């Protein structure tokens, strides 16, 4: 257990877990409800909110902040985290509606009528379309993006990593901006997040600036951006959105998505190598001297950057295994053939069976823990196919070689990866503890495990341990465990009860047959008594030899 002190705020950290509840906050100083409160007018969805609060997935938050605009900002920031958790298998498609209610000084908000992307196939298709749309009209696309997420400025970088233009914008904003003046008046610290990212292709790179203020608020350290100064908050039901200020804590997965980290400008003489701030610390620092001394997270060009042809070559070439392990911390990586004769998981499952005999696994079992082998499959051919499409449409001029083959069938463009861990429950505190065979490389870009039933954010999981497939070879379909449930499971019996979802459209039909085979046990130990992560299907169960379809996300 330790304390982090930045001059004006104190953060309790227990086993790497930040236990400080924080909120993005700012708004009108006068209390909206001071002139009286009309419950019928300002709590029109009270019944729907009460119903939503009883849903299995966390969709509501509540607080008792006196300033109504602060309270609503808190709602929006917290709910964005829960929205990503609700769509943990894929990602949010439509955030839906934000329901708002204040009753006896308690503000309650929920997100309602949201939708998640159905499959990773859908994500792949939209990923490519974004690249095409961007390259047709880069400046127009970027300006619409800037306005939609409430960035201050954005610059089109083409295929460059140099975000100096945004760093200079931030300097100007700190020297002369309404937000900087307002922040100083509140005794806060003006900061500027520089987002450097790409829109699905190497030539689609950009940087954007997000100025914001961190200050000691009503209860905790809080932060707000320019949009809080530009318009009065709508205190009622409204369209739900995830804006740039709400993404400062980096709760979203990065795979085929946005990189929401903030650069630390001039942290390296070469602007192409500027590192990133730690998002668990950066938004909440209220002291300039502390901010200047913060050591950045070193930039790794390989990290979620498959759009770059150089990186793509590194992750598919002869040193692919070393690059995957160094960039993401996997324990095992294998290139796999994309065919219909066997599951693409099989190489990782073989390695998993071997790992179950290691000292790490045996020590875990002796310590009454559960050894877990989290495996997933990754298809990189999507990134190459995008470049082929851009080249075909005349949107890029560089030559593109198809090394993946039709539908990515060549093994260079497909991998399975495995991560080994031990999960146990502390008999004294009841807390779940996770120990990994290999140290975590970078926890960003994965998922957030929320405390059971909602509440404080509990633990970050890196990408390597955020998507775990069920290794059941009685199944003709490949399905994924619910992230939160799998992470918390500490016994084989709990694993047996876990629900799974099929998130590849090629396996939807096969999943129906899979459910029938899952319940058949002939010559096997009952599920709850098995200690292996892999179910090797008895021939008696497989009356008909089923061909496995491939699975990628």
Protein backbone atom coordinates (compact mmCIF):
# COMPACT_ATOMS: atom_id res chain seq x y z
CA UNK A 1 0.00 0.00 0.00
CA UNK A 2 1.32 3.46 -0.87
CA UNK A 3 0.29 7.08 -1.25
CA UNK A 4 0.89 9.29 -4.26
CA UNK A 5 1.08 13.01 -3.43
CA UNK A 6 1.16 15.70 -6.13
CA UNK A 7 1.04 18.80 -3.96
CA UNK A 8 -2.73 19.24 -3.66
CA UNK A 9 -4.18 15.75 -3.98
CA UNK A 10 -3.63 12.46 -2.25
CA UNK A 11 -4.20 9.10 -3.93
CA UNK A 12 -4.28 5.79 -2.11
CA UNK A 13 -2.78 2.93 -4.10
CA UNK A 14 -3.17 -0.66 -2.92
CA UNK A 15 -1.45 -3.34 -4.98
CA UNK A 16 -1.37 -1.04 -7.97
CA UNK A 17 -5.04 -0.17 -7.69
CA UNK A 18 -6.01 3.50 -7.62
CA UNK A 19 -8.75 3.89 -5.03
CA UNK A 20 -9.49 7.58 -5.53
CA UNK A 21 -12.92 8.30 -7.00
CA UNK A 22 -12.52 11.25 -9.37
CA UNK A 23 -14.65 13.21 -11.79
CA UNK A 24 -14.32 15.49 -14.78
CA UNK A 25 -16.01 18.59 -13.43
CA UNK A 26 -16.79 22.22 -14.12
CA UNK A 27 -19.77 24.35 -14.92
CA UNK A 28 -21.89 27.24 -13.76
CA UNK A 29 -21.13 28.40 -10.21
CA UNK A 30 -24.74 29.19 -9.46
CA UNK A 31 -26.92 26.27 -8.45
CA UNK A 32 -29.47 25.47 -11.13
CA UNK A 33 -31.89 24.16 -8.52
CA UNK A 34 -31.63 27.15 -6.16
CA UNK A 35 -34.95 28.62 -7.34
CA UNK A 36 -36.84 25.44 -6.63
CA UNK A 37 -37.16 21.95 -8.03
CA UNK A 38 -39.88 20.62 -10.30
CA UNK A 39 -39.57 16.83 -10.16
CA UNK A 40 -41.99 16.24 -13.02
CA UNK A 41 -40.01 18.51 -15.32
CA UNK A 42 -36.48 17.48 -14.39
CA UNK A 43 -36.88 13.80 -13.57
CA UNK A 44 -39.11 12.69 -16.41
CA UNK A 45 -37.50 9.22 -16.63
CA UNK A 46 -37.49 8.32 -12.95
CA UNK A 47 -39.29 4.99 -13.50
CA UNK A 48 -37.02 4.06 -16.40
CA UNK A 49 -33.95 4.97 -14.35
CA UNK A 50 -35.13 2.77 -11.48
CA UNK A 51 -35.67 -0.08 -13.94
CA UNK A 52 -32.26 0.42 -15.55
CA UNK A 53 -30.52 0.43 -12.19
CA UNK A 54 -31.60 -3.18 -11.70
CA UNK A 55 -30.01 -4.39 -14.95
CA UNK A 56 -27.23 -6.94 -14.65
CA UNK A 57 -24.81 -4.60 -16.42
CA UNK A 58 -23.83 -1.40 -14.66
CA UNK A 59 -25.55 1.45 -16.52
CA UNK A 60 -26.13 4.07 -13.81
CA UNK A 61 -24.14 6.28 -11.46
CA UNK A 62 -25.20 8.65 -8.68
CA UNK A 63 -23.57 11.45 -6.70
CA UNK A 64 -24.49 14.19 -4.24
CA UNK A 65 -22.47 17.11 -5.60
CA UNK A 66 -24.09 20.45 -4.85
CA UNK A 67 -23.17 21.97 -8.20
CA UNK A 68 -25.53 20.40 -10.73
CA UNK A 69 -23.19 20.91 -13.69
CA UNK A 70 -20.33 19.25 -11.81
CA UNK A 71 -22.65 16.38 -11.01
CA UNK A 72 -23.59 15.90 -14.67
CA UNK A 73 -19.95 16.00 -15.78
CA UNK A 74 -19.20 13.31 -13.23
CA UNK A 75 -22.03 11.23 -14.67
CA UNK A 76 -20.76 11.50 -18.23
CA UNK A 77 -17.19 10.54 -17.41
CA UNK A 78 -18.10 7.58 -15.23
CA UNK A 79 -20.76 6.28 -17.61
CA UNK A 80 -18.31 6.22 -20.52
CA UNK A 81 -16.30 3.62 -18.60
CA UNK A 82 -19.39 1.52 -17.92
CA UNK A 83 -20.43 1.76 -21.57
CA UNK A 84 -17.16 0.21 -22.71
CA UNK A 85 -17.62 -2.49 -20.06
CA UNK A 86 -21.16 -3.21 -21.29
CA UNK A 87 -19.75 -3.77 -24.81
CA UNK A 88 -16.68 -5.64 -23.61
CA UNK A 89 -16.66 -8.25 -26.39
CA UNK A 90 -16.52 -5.65 -29.15
CA UNK A 91 -17.12 -1.90 -28.58
CA UNK A 92 -19.98 0.60 -28.35
CA UNK A 93 -21.73 1.36 -31.63
CA UNK A 94 -24.30 3.92 -30.46
CA UNK A 95 -23.99 5.36 -26.91
CA UNK A 96 -27.77 5.85 -26.88
CA UNK A 97 -29.50 8.26 -24.51
CA UNK A 98 -28.31 9.70 -21.21
CA UNK A 99 -31.11 9.65 -18.62
CA UNK A 100 -30.89 12.34 -15.96
CA UNK A 101 -32.63 12.78 -12.62
CA UNK A 102 -32.03 14.85 -9.49
CA UNK A 103 -34.01 14.09 -6.36
CA UNK A 104 -33.28 15.41 -2.86
CA UNK A 105 -29.76 16.55 -3.81
CA UNK A 106 -28.87 13.20 -5.41
CA UNK A 107 -28.10 13.24 -9.14
CA UNK A 108 -28.56 9.94 -10.95
CA UNK A 109 -27.68 9.28 -14.59
CA UNK A 110 -27.95 6.19 -16.78
CA UNK A 111 -27.19 5.33 -20.38
CA UNK A 112 -30.14 3.77 -22.18
CA UNK A 113 -30.89 2.27 -25.61
CA UNK A 114 -27.20 1.82 -26.39
CA UNK A 115 -25.98 -0.71 -28.95
CA UNK A 116 -22.73 -2.65 -29.29
CA UNK A 117 -21.06 -3.68 -32.53
CA UNK A 118 -22.21 -7.24 -33.20
CA UNK A 119 -19.00 -8.86 -34.42
CA UNK A 120 -15.35 -8.07 -35.06
CA UNK A 121 -16.08 -8.62 -38.74
CA UNK A 122 -18.21 -5.47 -38.60
CA UNK A 123 -15.38 -3.58 -36.91
CA UNK A 124 -12.98 -4.66 -39.64
CA UNK A 125 -15.30 -3.39 -42.36
CA UNK A 126 -15.82 0.01 -40.73
CA UNK A 127 -12.09 0.26 -40.05
CA UNK A 128 -11.37 0.08 -43.77
CA UNK A 129 -14.19 2.46 -44.70
CA UNK A 130 -12.87 5.11 -42.32
CA UNK A 131 -9.49 5.02 -44.06
CA UNK A 132 -11.13 5.46 -47.48
CA UNK A 133 -13.34 8.32 -46.26
CA UNK A 134 -10.42 10.08 -44.62
CA UNK A 135 -8.09 9.89 -47.62
CA UNK A 136 -10.74 11.24 -49.97
CA UNK A 137 -11.03 14.50 -47.99
CA UNK A 138 -8.47 14.54 -45.13
CA UNK A 139 -8.94 18.13 -43.98
CA UNK A 140 -12.74 17.98 -44.09
CA UNK A 141 -12.81 14.66 -42.23
CA UNK A 142 -10.42 15.91 -39.55
CA UNK A 143 -12.33 19.13 -38.98
CA UNK A 144 -15.59 17.23 -38.46
CA UNK A 145 -13.77 14.92 -36.06
CA UNK A 146 -12.36 17.91 -34.15
CA UNK A 147 -15.77 19.47 -33.68
CA UNK A 148 -17.46 16.20 -32.75
CA UNK A 149 -15.01 15.39 -29.94
CA UNK A 150 -14.41 19.02 -28.86
CA UNK A 151 -10.68 19.22 -29.60
CA UNK A 152 -9.25 22.74 -29.87
CA UNK A 153 -7.03 22.24 -32.92
CA UNK A 154 -6.10 19.35 -35.22
CA UNK A 155 -3.34 19.00 -37.83
CA UNK A 156 -3.09 16.52 -40.69
CA UNK A 157 0.36 14.88 -40.50
CA UNK A 158 0.09 12.58 -43.55
CA UNK A 159 2.52 9.72 -42.76
CA UNK A 160 4.55 11.67 -40.17
CA UNK A 161 4.76 11.13 -36.40
CA UNK A 162 5.91 14.69 -35.72
CA UNK A 163 3.26 16.40 -33.54
CA UNK A 164 5.28 19.60 -33.01
CA UNK A 165 2.47 21.68 -34.56
CA UNK A 166 0.14 20.59 -31.77
CA UNK A 167 2.79 21.19 -29.12
CA UNK A 168 3.14 24.77 -30.35
CA UNK A 169 -0.66 25.17 -30.24
CA UNK A 170 -0.62 24.06 -26.61
CA UNK A 171 2.01 26.66 -25.75
CA UNK A 172 -0.14 29.40 -27.28
CA UNK A 173 -3.25 28.20 -25.43
CA UNK A 174 -1.44 28.21 -22.10
CA UNK A 175 -0.18 31.76 -22.72
CA UNK A 176 -3.46 33.19 -23.92
CA UNK A 177 -6.80 31.38 -23.70
CA UNK A 178 -10.06 31.76 -21.82
CA UNK A 179 -9.61 28.32 -20.30
CA UNK A 180 -6.13 29.11 -18.98
CA UNK A 181 -7.44 32.31 -17.36
CA UNK A 182 -10.46 30.53 -15.86
CA UNK A 183 -8.23 27.74 -14.59
CA UNK A 184 -5.87 30.19 -12.88
CA UNK A 185 -8.85 31.90 -11.20
CA UNK A 186 -9.92 28.55 -9.74
CA UNK A 187 -6.41 27.85 -8.49
CA UNK A 188 -6.08 24.95 -10.91
CA UNK A 189 -3.37 23.71 -13.25
CA UNK A 190 -3.77 24.26 -16.99
CA UNK A 191 -2.72 21.27 -19.08
CA UNK A 192 -2.93 20.32 -22.72
CA UNK A 193 -3.34 16.78 -24.03
CA UNK A 194 -1.75 16.14 -27.42
CA UNK A 195 -3.46 13.22 -29.12
CA UNK A 196 -1.38 11.64 -31.91
CA UNK A 197 -3.17 8.93 -33.83
CA UNK A 198 -4.28 7.70 -37.27
CA UNK A 199 -7.60 7.00 -38.97
CA UNK A 200 -7.06 3.37 -39.98
CA UNK A 201 -4.13 3.95 -42.35
CA UNK A 202 -0.48 5.02 -42.30
CA UNK A 203 -1.10 8.09 -44.46
CA UNK A 204 -4.05 9.10 -42.25
CA UNK A 205 -2.05 10.41 -39.29
CA UNK A 206 -2.99 13.51 -37.32
CA UNK A 207 -2.52 15.27 -34.01
CA UNK A 208 -5.13 17.16 -31.97
CA UNK A 209 -5.00 19.37 -28.87
CA UNK A 210 -7.28 19.08 -25.85
CA UNK A 211 -6.66 21.86 -23.28
CA UNK A 212 -8.13 21.20 -19.84
CA UNK A 213 -7.89 22.33 -16.23
CA UNK A 214 -7.32 20.21 -13.14
CA UNK A 215 -8.30 21.65 -9.78
CA UNK A 216 -9.36 20.67 -6.28
CA UNK A 217 -13.12 20.49 -6.54
CA UNK A 218 -16.01 20.09 -4.17
CA UNK A 219 -14.90 16.67 -2.98
CA UNK A 220 -12.01 15.39 -5.06
CA UNK A 221 -9.57 16.41 -7.77
CA UNK A 222 -11.59 17.27 -10.87
CA UNK A 223 -10.95 18.39 -14.43
CA UNK A 224 -12.87 20.15 -17.19
CA UNK A 225 -12.30 21.27 -20.77
CA UNK A 226 -13.25 24.16 -23.03
CA UNK A 227 -16.72 22.85 -23.83
CA UNK A 228 -17.73 23.50 -20.22
CA UNK A 229 -17.04 27.21 -20.81
CA UNK A 230 -18.68 27.42 -24.22
CA UNK A 231 -22.21 26.37 -23.38
CA UNK A 232 -24.50 25.77 -20.45
CA UNK A 233 -25.00 22.15 -19.54
CA UNK A 234 -28.34 20.68 -20.56
CA UNK A 235 -29.69 19.36 -17.26
CA UNK A 236 -32.02 16.64 -18.45
CA UNK A 237 -32.24 13.61 -20.72
CA UNK A 238 -29.97 14.05 -23.73
CA UNK A 239 -27.94 12.31 -26.41
CA UNK A 240 -25.12 10.30 -24.86
CA UNK A 241 -21.63 10.99 -26.26
CA UNK A 242 -18.05 10.02 -25.54
CA UNK A 243 -15.97 13.16 -26.11
CA UNK A 244 -12.20 13.65 -25.91
CA UNK A 245 -12.30 14.99 -22.34
CA UNK A 246 -14.11 11.83 -21.23
CA UNK A 247 -11.41 9.67 -22.84
CA UNK A 248 -8.51 11.21 -20.89
CA UNK A 249 -8.36 8.22 -18.56
CA UNK A 250 -7.89 5.89 -21.55
CA UNK A 251 -10.57 3.31 -20.79
CA UNK A 252 -11.07 2.13 -24.38
CA UNK A 253 -9.40 -0.88 -26.03
CA UNK A 254 -6.92 0.11 -28.76
CA UNK A 255 -7.25 -2.90 -31.10
CA UNK A 256 -8.62 -1.51 -34.40
CA UNK A 257 -9.65 1.60 -32.48
CA UNK A 258 -8.36 4.97 -31.28
CA UNK A 259 -5.17 5.57 -29.32
CA UNK A 260 -6.36 8.00 -26.64
CA UNK A 261 -3.04 8.53 -24.83
CA UNK A 262 -1.58 12.03 -24.34
CA UNK A 263 1.94 12.79 -25.54
CA UNK A 264 4.50 14.45 -23.28
CA UNK A 265 5.91 17.01 -25.74
CA UNK A 266 9.68 17.45 -25.98
CA UNK A 267 10.26 14.34 -23.84
CA UNK A 268 12.74 13.23 -26.51
CA UNK A 269 14.90 15.32 -28.86
CA UNK A 270 13.28 13.44 -31.72
CA UNK A 271 9.54 14.38 -31.89
CA UNK A 272 8.87 11.02 -33.53
CA UNK A 273 9.82 9.37 -30.24
CA UNK A 274 7.92 11.52 -27.73
CA UNK A 275 6.59 9.39 -24.89
CA UNK A 276 3.13 9.41 -23.32
CA UNK A 277 1.82 10.48 -19.93
CA UNK A 278 0.43 7.80 -17.64
CA UNK A 279 -3.36 8.39 -17.86
CA UNK A 280 -3.86 7.17 -14.30
CA UNK A 281 -1.81 10.15 -13.10
CA UNK A 282 -1.76 12.88 -15.76
CA UNK A 283 -5.36 14.21 -15.55
CA UNK A 284 -5.22 14.58 -11.75
CA UNK A 285 -1.88 16.31 -11.13
CA UNK A 286 -2.48 19.82 -9.74
CA UNK A 287 1.13 20.92 -9.30
CA UNK A 288 3.26 22.24 -12.21
CA UNK A 289 6.56 21.11 -10.70
CA UNK A 290 5.25 17.59 -10.26
CA UNK A 291 3.93 17.53 -13.83
CA UNK A 292 7.29 18.61 -15.23
CA UNK A 293 9.05 15.81 -13.35
CA UNK A 294 6.68 13.05 -14.47
CA UNK A 295 8.59 10.40 -16.38
CA UNK A 296 6.79 9.55 -19.62
CA UNK A 297 5.95 6.06 -20.77
CA UNK A 298 8.50 5.30 -23.46
CA UNK A 299 7.10 5.27 -26.97
CA UNK A 300 7.04 1.89 -28.72
CA UNK A 301 6.31 2.26 -32.42
CA UNK A 302 5.05 -1.35 -32.57
CA UNK A 303 2.29 -0.77 -30.01
CA UNK A 304 -1.09 -0.89 -31.82
CA UNK A 305 0.40 0.56 -34.98
CA UNK A 306 -0.11 -2.15 -37.60
CA UNK A 307 -1.12 0.47 -40.17
CA UNK A 308 2.54 1.43 -40.56
CA UNK A 309 4.04 -0.86 -43.28
CA UNK A 310 7.33 -1.02 -41.35
CA UNK A 311 5.56 -2.19 -38.18
CA UNK A 312 3.38 -4.61 -40.17
CA UNK A 313 6.54 -6.19 -41.55
CA UNK A 314 8.03 -6.48 -38.05
CA UNK A 315 4.92 -8.24 -36.69
CA UNK A 316 4.66 -10.68 -39.60
CA UNK A 317 8.36 -11.28 -40.41
CA UNK A 318 10.91 -13.75 -39.09
CA UNK A 319 11.22 -11.98 -35.72
CA UNK A 320 7.45 -11.76 -35.22
CA UNK A 321 7.50 -13.75 -31.96
CA UNK A 322 10.04 -11.48 -30.30
CA UNK A 323 8.20 -8.33 -31.44
CA UNK A 324 4.80 -9.52 -30.19
CA UNK A 325 6.22 -10.53 -26.81
CA UNK A 326 8.17 -7.31 -26.33
CA UNK A 327 5.30 -5.01 -27.38
CA UNK A 328 2.42 -6.77 -25.58
CA UNK A 329 3.91 -9.17 -23.02
CA UNK A 330 2.46 -12.42 -24.39
CA UNK A 331 3.97 -15.66 -23.07
CA UNK A 332 3.52 -17.54 -26.33
CA UNK A 333 2.87 -16.49 -29.92
CA UNK A 334 2.55 -18.64 -33.03
CA UNK A 335 1.75 -17.91 -36.65
CA UNK A 336 -1.21 -20.02 -37.73
CA UNK A 337 -2.64 -21.17 -41.02
CA UNK A 338 -6.05 -19.75 -41.85
CA UNK A 339 -7.81 -22.87 -43.12
CA UNK A 340 -10.90 -24.92 -42.40
CA UNK A 341 -9.25 -28.17 -41.34
CA UNK A 342 -8.56 -27.22 -37.74
CA UNK A 343 -9.06 -24.48 -35.20
CA UNK A 344 -6.60 -21.57 -35.34
CA UNK A 345 -6.40 -21.83 -31.54
CA UNK A 346 -4.76 -25.23 -31.61
CA UNK A 347 -1.09 -24.20 -31.45
CA UNK A 348 -1.81 -22.05 -28.41
CA UNK A 349 -3.87 -24.79 -26.78
CA UNK A 350 -0.98 -27.25 -27.21
CA UNK A 351 1.31 -24.76 -25.52
CA UNK A 352 -1.27 -24.19 -22.81
CA UNK A 353 -1.30 -27.93 -22.01
CA UNK A 354 2.48 -27.81 -21.67
CA UNK A 355 2.29 -24.70 -19.47
CA UNK A 356 -0.05 -26.53 -17.07
CA UNK A 357 2.90 -28.79 -16.17
CA UNK A 358 5.27 -25.94 -15.34
CA UNK A 359 6.39 -24.88 -11.87
CA UNK A 360 4.36 -21.67 -12.15
CA UNK A 361 1.13 -23.61 -12.73
CA UNK A 362 1.88 -26.20 -10.05
CA UNK A 363 2.76 -23.54 -7.48
CA UNK A 364 -0.49 -21.75 -8.33
CA UNK A 365 -2.48 -24.93 -7.67
CA UNK A 366 -0.65 -25.58 -4.38
CA UNK A 367 -1.44 -22.03 -3.29
CA UNK A 368 -5.15 -22.73 -3.96
CA UNK A 369 -5.14 -20.51 -7.01
CA UNK A 370 -6.51 -21.11 -10.48
CA UNK A 371 -4.01 -21.30 -13.32
CA UNK A 372 -5.44 -19.62 -16.40
CA UNK A 373 -4.35 -19.75 -19.98
CA UNK A 374 -5.89 -16.80 -21.84
CA UNK A 375 -5.59 -17.23 -25.59
CA UNK A 376 -6.88 -15.20 -28.48
CA UNK A 377 -6.40 -15.09 -32.24
CA UNK A 378 -5.40 -12.05 -34.25
CA UNK A 379 -5.77 -11.49 -37.97
CA UNK A 380 -3.54 -8.78 -39.39
CA UNK A 381 -4.70 -9.15 -42.98
CA UNK A 382 -7.31 -6.43 -42.36
CA UNK A 383 -4.55 -3.82 -42.19
CA UNK A 384 -2.97 -4.99 -45.42
CA UNK A 385 -6.33 -5.23 -47.18
CA UNK A 386 -6.97 -1.59 -46.32
CA UNK A 387 -3.75 -0.54 -48.05
CA UNK A 388 -4.62 -2.63 -51.09
CA UNK A 389 -8.02 -0.89 -51.26
CA UNK A 390 -6.48 2.57 -50.90
CA UNK A 391 -3.96 1.75 -53.62
CA UNK A 392 -6.67 0.42 -55.93
CA UNK A 393 -8.72 3.60 -55.51
CA UNK A 394 -5.69 5.79 -56.16
CA UNK A 395 -5.69 7.28 -52.66
CA UNK A 396 -2.06 6.33 -51.88
CA UNK A 397 0.92 6.21 -54.23
CA UNK A 398 3.24 3.72 -52.51
CA UNK A 399 3.46 0.16 -53.78
CA UNK A 400 1.64 -2.50 -51.76
CA UNK A 401 2.57 -6.19 -51.85
CA UNK A 402 -0.08 -8.75 -50.88
CA UNK A 403 1.81 -11.07 -48.53
CA UNK A 404 -1.35 -12.38 -46.85
CA UNK A 405 -3.06 -14.04 -49.79
CA UNK A 406 -6.78 -14.27 -50.43
CA UNK A 407 -8.78 -13.73 -47.20
CA UNK A 408 -5.51 -13.73 -45.26
CA UNK A 409 -4.93 -17.45 -45.68
CA UNK A 410 -1.13 -17.28 -45.45
CA UNK A 411 0.08 -17.92 -41.92
CA UNK A 412 2.32 -14.82 -41.81
CA UNK A 413 -0.76 -12.65 -41.28
CA UNK A 414 -2.46 -14.66 -38.54
CA UNK A 415 -1.33 -15.42 -35.01
CA UNK A 416 -2.62 -16.99 -31.84
CA UNK A 417 -1.26 -15.66 -28.57
CA UNK A 418 -1.34 -16.93 -24.99
CA UNK A 419 -0.93 -15.33 -21.55
CA UNK A 420 -0.53 -17.31 -18.32
CA UNK A 421 -1.74 -16.15 -14.93
CA UNK A 422 -2.77 -17.34 -11.49
CA UNK A 423 -5.96 -16.05 -9.88
CA UNK A 424 -6.74 -16.56 -6.22
CA UNK A 425 -8.98 -15.11 -3.55
CA UNK A 426 -7.37 -13.64 -0.46
CA UNK A 427 -8.88 -15.60 2.45
CA UNK A 428 -8.56 -12.61 4.79
CA UNK A 429 -9.85 -9.75 2.62
CA UNK A 430 -11.87 -11.61 -0.01
CA UNK A 431 -10.07 -9.62 -2.72
CA UNK A 432 -9.16 -11.22 -6.04
CA UNK A 433 -5.42 -11.31 -6.72
CA UNK A 434 -3.80 -11.77 -10.13
CA UNK A 435 -0.22 -12.95 -10.66
CA UNK A 436 1.31 -13.31 -14.12
CA UNK A 437 4.07 -15.56 -15.38
CA UNK A 438 5.56 -12.62 -17.31
CA UNK A 439 5.51 -8.98 -16.16
CA UNK A 440 2.99 -6.68 -17.81
CA UNK A 441 4.55 -4.59 -20.59
CA UNK A 442 1.85 -1.97 -21.06
CA UNK A 443 -1.58 -2.11 -19.41
CA UNK A 444 -3.05 0.54 -21.71
CA UNK A 445 -5.23 -0.41 -24.64
CA UNK A 446 -6.81 -3.33 -22.81
CA UNK A 447 -9.81 -3.31 -20.49
CA UNK A 448 -10.85 -2.04 -17.07
CA UNK A 449 -12.17 -4.49 -14.50
CA UNK A 450 -14.76 -2.66 -12.44
CA UNK A 451 -15.40 -3.53 -8.84
CA UNK A 452 -18.21 -6.07 -8.70
CA UNK A 453 -21.52 -4.28 -9.00
CA UNK A 454 -19.88 -1.09 -10.28
CA UNK A 455 -18.20 1.50 -8.14
CA UNK A 456 -14.52 2.39 -8.20
CA UNK A 457 -12.34 1.30 -11.09
CA UNK A 458 -10.45 -1.67 -9.78
CA UNK A 459 -7.73 -2.80 -12.16
CA UNK A 460 -6.40 -2.31 -15.67
CA UNK A 461 -5.84 -5.38 -17.79
CA UNK A 462 -3.47 -5.17 -20.72
CA UNK A 463 -4.58 -6.25 -24.17
CA UNK A 464 -2.88 -9.62 -23.69
CA UNK A 465 -5.38 -10.65 -21.04
CA UNK A 466 -8.52 -8.80 -22.14
CA UNK A 467 -9.95 -11.22 -24.70
CA UNK A 468 -9.95 -14.90 -23.73
CA UNK A 469 -11.36 -17.70 -25.88
CA UNK A 470 -12.95 -20.85 -24.51
CA UNK A 471 -10.77 -23.84 -25.34
CA UNK A 472 -13.47 -26.44 -25.84
CA UNK A 473 -12.62 -28.82 -28.66
CA UNK A 474 -16.02 -30.45 -28.47
CA UNK A 475 -17.28 -27.26 -30.01
CA UNK A 476 -17.44 -26.47 -33.70
CA UNK A 477 -17.62 -22.80 -32.76
CA UNK A 478 -15.11 -20.53 -31.05
CA UNK A 479 -16.51 -18.27 -28.36
CA UNK A 480 -15.20 -15.71 -25.89
CA UNK A 481 -15.60 -15.55 -22.12
CA UNK A 482 -17.16 -12.52 -20.48
CA UNK A 483 -14.12 -10.49 -19.49
CA UNK A 484 -15.17 -9.54 -15.95
CA UNK A 485 -16.47 -12.99 -15.02
CA UNK A 486 -13.43 -14.81 -16.37
CA UNK A 487 -11.06 -12.41 -14.62
CA UNK A 488 -12.74 -12.94 -11.24
CA UNK A 489 -13.10 -16.73 -11.47
CA UNK A 490 -10.94 -18.55 -8.91
CA UNK A 491 -12.16 -22.15 -9.25
CA UNK A 492 -12.85 -24.60 -12.11
CA UNK A 493 -16.50 -24.69 -11.01
CA UNK A 494 -16.80 -20.94 -11.59
CA UNK A 495 -15.22 -21.27 -15.04
CA UNK A 496 -17.74 -23.99 -15.94
CA UNK A 497 -20.64 -21.66 -15.23
CA UNK A 498 -19.35 -18.76 -17.31
CA UNK A 499 -21.33 -17.57 -20.28
CA UNK A 500 -19.60 -17.05 -23.60
CA UNK A 501 -20.45 -15.10 -26.74
CA UNK A 502 -19.62 -15.74 -30.36
CA UNK A 503 -18.24 -12.56 -31.88
CA UNK A 504 -17.24 -13.80 -35.33
CA UNK A 505 -20.07 -14.02 -37.83
CA UNK A 506 -18.62 -17.26 -39.27
CA UNK A 507 -19.34 -19.00 -35.97
CA UNK A 508 -22.87 -17.84 -35.22
CA UNK A 509 -24.54 -20.92 -36.72
CA UNK A 510 -21.92 -23.26 -35.31
CA UNK A 511 -22.55 -21.97 -31.81
CA UNK A 512 -25.99 -23.59 -31.80
CA UNK A 513 -24.46 -27.02 -32.33
CA UNK A 514 -21.75 -26.20 -29.81
CA UNK A 515 -24.28 -25.72 -27.01
CA UNK A 516 -25.58 -29.24 -27.57
CA UNK A 517 -22.09 -30.76 -27.45
CA UNK A 518 -21.09 -28.82 -24.34
CA UNK A 519 -23.63 -30.67 -22.24
CA UNK A 520 -22.57 -34.13 -23.44
CA UNK A 521 -20.06 -35.88 -21.19
CA UNK A 522 -19.03 -39.46 -21.97
CA UNK A 523 -16.01 -40.88 -20.20
CA UNK A 524 -15.04 -37.42 -18.94
CA UNK A 525 -14.67 -35.98 -15.48
CA UNK A 526 -17.43 -33.50 -14.57
CA UNK A 527 -16.55 -29.99 -15.73
CA UNK A 528 -16.20 -28.57 -12.22
CA UNK A 529 -13.50 -31.14 -11.35
CA UNK A 530 -11.28 -30.48 -14.37
CA UNK A 531 -8.16 -28.45 -13.77
CA UNK A 532 -7.07 -28.10 -17.39
CA UNK A 533 -7.87 -25.02 -19.45
CA UNK A 534 -8.33 -27.23 -22.50
CA UNK A 535 -11.19 -29.65 -23.07
CA UNK A 536 -9.97 -32.39 -25.39
CA UNK A 537 -13.13 -33.88 -26.78
CA UNK A 538 -13.65 -37.67 -26.45
CA UNK A 539 -14.34 -39.47 -29.72
CA UNK A 540 -17.63 -40.75 -28.29
CA UNK A 541 -18.88 -37.21 -27.99
CA UNK A 542 -17.83 -36.33 -31.51
CA UNK A 543 -20.08 -38.77 -33.30
CA UNK A 544 -19.57 -36.74 -36.42
CA UNK A 545 -16.20 -35.19 -37.27
CA UNK A 546 -16.78 -31.46 -37.32
CA UNK A 547 -14.61 -29.11 -39.32
CA UNK A 548 -13.56 -25.98 -37.50
CA UNK A 549 -13.98 -22.60 -39.10
CA UNK A 550 -11.36 -20.01 -38.42
CA UNK A 551 -11.83 -17.23 -35.88
CA UNK A 552 -10.23 -13.81 -35.85
CA UNK A 553 -11.08 -10.54 -34.15
